[in-house]
Amino acid sequence: MLTVLAQVPAGKVVSFGDLADMSGYPRRARWVGSVLSKLPSSTKLPWHRVVNSQGTLTCPRADLAEKRLTREGIKVHQLKVSMLKHRWCPERSTSKHASPEED
């Protein structure tokens, strides 16, 4: 799961559930949250790019996450980001034949 988290690019976010699914642990969003809450403050992993399914920053360090996301060009309003605009979907970005509706 941490390997997948390390791949989330700047300017994008991923939900706890999506991160769990991409890591091979479907329906384990709470487990992802538990693991992330135990990361040391010195971690280089982009924990601040993980939000709930509605785009809300729910981590205990939401104020720091908001600052980091803002520096990456993500607009945060009332601790919420646009999942439509900023959600990381690696299968779409790597697809050679994405339909125009998906872009």
C-alpha atoms as a PDB file:
ATOM      1  CA  MET A   1       0.000   0.000   0.000  1.00  0.00           C
ATOM      2  CA  LEU A   2       2.843   2.397   0.809  1.00  0.00           C
ATOM      3  CA  THR A   3       4.409   1.650  -2.578  1.00  0.00           C
ATOM      4  CA  VAL A   4       1.211   2.738  -4.327  1.00  0.00           C
ATOM      5  CA  LEU A   5       0.968   5.834  -2.120  1.00  0.00           C
ATOM      6  CA  ALA A   6       4.489   6.822  -3.145  1.00  0.00           C
ATOM      7  CA  GLN A   7       3.295   6.910  -6.786  1.00  0.00           C
ATOM      8  CA  VAL A   8       0.531   9.495  -6.256  1.00  0.00           C
ATOM      9  CA  PRO A   9       1.779  12.535  -8.186  1.00  0.00           C
ATOM     10  CA  ALA A  10       1.826  16.097  -6.932  1.00  0.00           C
ATOM     11  CA  GLY A  11      -1.409  17.890  -7.787  1.00  0.00           C
ATOM     12  CA  LYS A  12      -3.484  14.721  -7.421  1.00  0.00           C
ATOM     13  CA  VAL A  13      -5.313  13.043  -4.538  1.00  0.00           C
ATOM     14  CA  VAL A  14      -6.523   9.529  -3.903  1.00  0.00           C
ATOM     15  CA  SER A  15      -9.260   8.303  -1.587  1.00  0.00           C
ATOM     16  CA  PHE A  16      -8.586   5.850   1.203  1.00  0.00           C
ATOM     17  CA  GLY A  17     -10.778   3.307  -0.609  1.00  0.00           C
ATOM     18  CA  ASP A  18      -9.100   3.803  -3.972  1.00  0.00           C
ATOM     19  CA  LEU A  19      -5.690   3.420  -2.370  1.00  0.00           C
ATOM     20  CA  ALA A  20      -6.824   0.195  -0.723  1.00  0.00           C
ATOM     21  CA  ASP A  21      -8.250  -1.120  -4.022  1.00  0.00           C
ATOM     22  CA  MET A  22      -5.128  -0.226  -6.020  1.00  0.00           C
ATOM     23  CA  SER A  23      -3.015  -1.966  -3.396  1.00  0.00           C
ATOM     24  CA  GLY A  24      -4.961  -5.216  -3.629  1.00  0.00           C
ATOM     25  CA  TYR A  25      -6.949  -4.713  -0.415  1.00  0.00           C
ATOM     26  CA  PRO A  26     -10.497  -3.943  -1.538  1.00  0.00           C
ATOM     27  CA  ARG A  27     -12.904  -2.661   1.117  1.00  0.00           C
ATOM     28  CA  ARG A  28     -10.031  -1.866   3.495  1.00  0.00           C
ATOM     29  CA  ALA A  29     -10.234   1.954   3.517  1.00  0.00           C
ATOM     30  CA  ARG A  30     -10.215   2.092   7.322  1.00  0.00           C
ATOM     31  CA  TRP A  31      -7.115  -0.064   7.421  1.00  0.00           C
ATOM     32  CA  VAL A  32      -5.386   2.393   5.065  1.00  0.00           C
ATOM     33  CA  GLY A  33      -6.338   5.222   7.414  1.00  0.00           C
ATOM     34  CA  SER A  34      -4.955   3.303  10.362  1.00  0.00           C
ATOM     35  CA  VAL A  35      -1.637   2.651   8.619  1.00  0.00           C
ATOM     36  CA  LEU A  36      -1.309   6.287   7.537  1.00  0.00           C
ATOM     37  CA  SER A  37      -2.045   7.536  11.045  1.00  0.00           C
ATOM     38  CA  LYS A  38       0.980   5.606  12.295  1.00  0.00           C
ATOM     39  CA  LEU A  39       3.466   7.077   9.810  1.00  0.00           C
ATOM     40  CA  PRO A  40       6.245   9.053  11.489  1.00  0.00           C
ATOM     41  CA  SER A  41       6.119  12.821  11.026  1.00  0.00           C
ATOM     42  CA  SER A  42       9.441  12.618   9.169  1.00  0.00           C
ATOM     43  CA  THR A  43       8.024  10.393   6.392  1.00  0.00           C
ATOM     44  CA  LYS A  44       8.637  11.386   2.779  1.00  0.00           C
ATOM     45  CA  LEU A  45       5.467   9.590   1.650  1.00  0.00           C
ATOM     46  CA  PRO A  46       2.705  11.897   0.333  1.00  0.00           C
ATOM     47  CA  TRP A  47       0.177  11.059   3.080  1.00  0.00           C
ATOM     48  CA  HIS A  48      -1.378  14.500   2.580  1.00  0.00           C
ATOM     49  CA  ARG A  49      -2.696  13.394  -0.825  1.00  0.00           C
ATOM     50  CA  VAL A  50      -5.088  10.860   0.730  1.00  0.00           C
ATOM     51  CA  VAL A  51      -8.643  12.096   1.333  1.00  0.00           C
ATOM     52  CA  ASN A  52     -12.011  10.525   1.994  1.00  0.00           C
ATOM     53  CA  SER A  53     -14.289   9.568  -0.905  1.00  0.00           C
ATOM     54  CA  GLN A  54     -15.964  12.999  -0.895  1.00  0.00           C
ATOM     55  CA  GLY A  55     -12.596  14.800  -1.088  1.00  0.00           C
ATOM     56  CA  THR A  56     -12.500  15.909   2.543  1.00  0.00           C
ATOM     57  CA  LEU A  57      -9.215  16.054   4.451  1.00  0.00           C
ATOM     58  CA  THR A  58      -9.874  13.830   7.444  1.00  0.00           C
ATOM     59  CA  CYS A  59      -6.404  13.190   8.780  1.00  0.00           C
ATOM     60  CA  PRO A  60      -5.346  14.513  12.196  1.00  0.00           C
ATOM     61  CA  ARG A  61      -2.855  16.850  10.478  1.00  0.00           C
ATOM     62  CA  ALA A  62      -5.447  18.354   8.099  1.00  0.00           C
ATOM     63  CA  ASP A  63      -4.044  21.868   8.475  1.00  0.00           C
ATOM     64  CA  LEU A  64      -0.607  20.702   7.308  1.00  0.00           C
ATOM     65  CA  ALA A  65      -2.170  18.615   4.529  1.00  0.00           C
ATOM     66  CA  GLU A  66      -4.097  21.680   3.342  1.00  0.00           C
ATOM     67  CA  LYS A  67      -0.908  23.742   3.151  1.00  0.00           C
ATOM     68  CA  ARG A  68       0.941  21.050   1.216  1.00  0.00           C
ATOM     69  CA  LEU A  69      -1.910  20.489  -1.241  1.00  0.00           C
ATOM     70  CA  THR A  70      -2.235  24.229  -1.822  1.00  0.00           C
ATOM     71  CA  ARG A  71       1.490  24.415  -2.645  1.00  0.00           C
ATOM     72  CA  GLU A  72       0.905  21.652  -5.211  1.00  0.00           C
ATOM     73  CA  GLY A  73      -1.774  23.714  -6.933  1.00  0.00           C
ATOM     74  CA  ILE A  74      -4.834  22.037  -5.440  1.00  0.00           C
ATOM     75  CA  LYS A  75      -7.548  24.419  -4.295  1.00  0.00           C
ATOM     76  CA  VAL A  76      -8.774  23.429  -0.833  1.00  0.00           C
ATOM     77  CA  HIS A  77     -12.034  24.977   0.396  1.00  0.00           C
ATOM     78  CA  GLN A  78     -13.266  24.192   3.895  1.00  0.00           C
ATOM     79  CA  LEU A  79     -10.912  21.187   4.043  1.00  0.00           C
ATOM     80  CA  LYS A  80     -12.341  19.773   0.824  1.00  0.00           C
ATOM     81  CA  VAL A  81     -10.865  19.244  -2.663  1.00  0.00           C
ATOM     82  CA  SER A  82     -12.573  18.513  -5.970  1.00  0.00           C
ATOM     83  CA  MET A  83     -12.333  14.792  -6.618  1.00  0.00           C
ATOM     84  CA  LEU A  84     -13.610  15.386 -10.142  1.00  0.00           C
ATOM     85  CA  LYS A  85     -10.651  17.639 -10.900  1.00  0.00           C
ATOM     86  CA  HIS A  86      -7.848  16.172  -8.765  1.00  0.00           C
ATOM     87  CA  ARG A  87      -8.560  12.453  -8.336  1.00  0.00           C
ATOM     88  CA  TRP A  88      -5.649  10.244  -9.354  1.00  0.00           C
ATOM     89  CA  CYS A  89      -6.743   7.480 -11.716  1.00  0.00           C
ATOM     90  CA  PRO A  90      -3.599   5.780 -13.018  1.00  0.00           C
ATOM     91  CA  GLU A  91      -5.511   3.376 -15.261  1.00  0.00           C
ATOM     92  CA  ARG A  92      -7.045   6.348 -17.123  1.00  0.00           C
ATOM     93  CA  SER A  93      -3.824   8.298 -17.433  1.00  0.00           C
ATOM     94  CA  THR A  94      -1.942   5.307 -18.835  1.00  0.00           C
ATOM     95  CA  SER A  95      -4.670   4.163 -21.201  1.00  0.00           C
ATOM     96  CA  LYS A  96      -3.705   4.623 -24.868  1.00  0.00           C
ATOM     97  CA  HIS A  97      -7.305   4.626 -26.060  1.00  0.00           C
ATOM     98  CA  ALA A  98      -9.142   6.728 -23.503  1.00  0.00           C
ATOM     99  CA  SER A  99     -12.415   8.016 -24.799  1.00  0.00           C
ATOM    100  CA  PRO A 100     -12.929  11.799 -24.964  1.00  0.00           C
ATOM    101  CA  GLU A 101     -15.615  11.513 -22.264  1.00  0.00           C
ATOM    102  CA  GLU A 102     -13.024  10.207 -19.817  1.00  0.00           C
ATOM    103  CA  ASP A 103     -10.618  13.119 -20.362  1.00  0.00           C
END
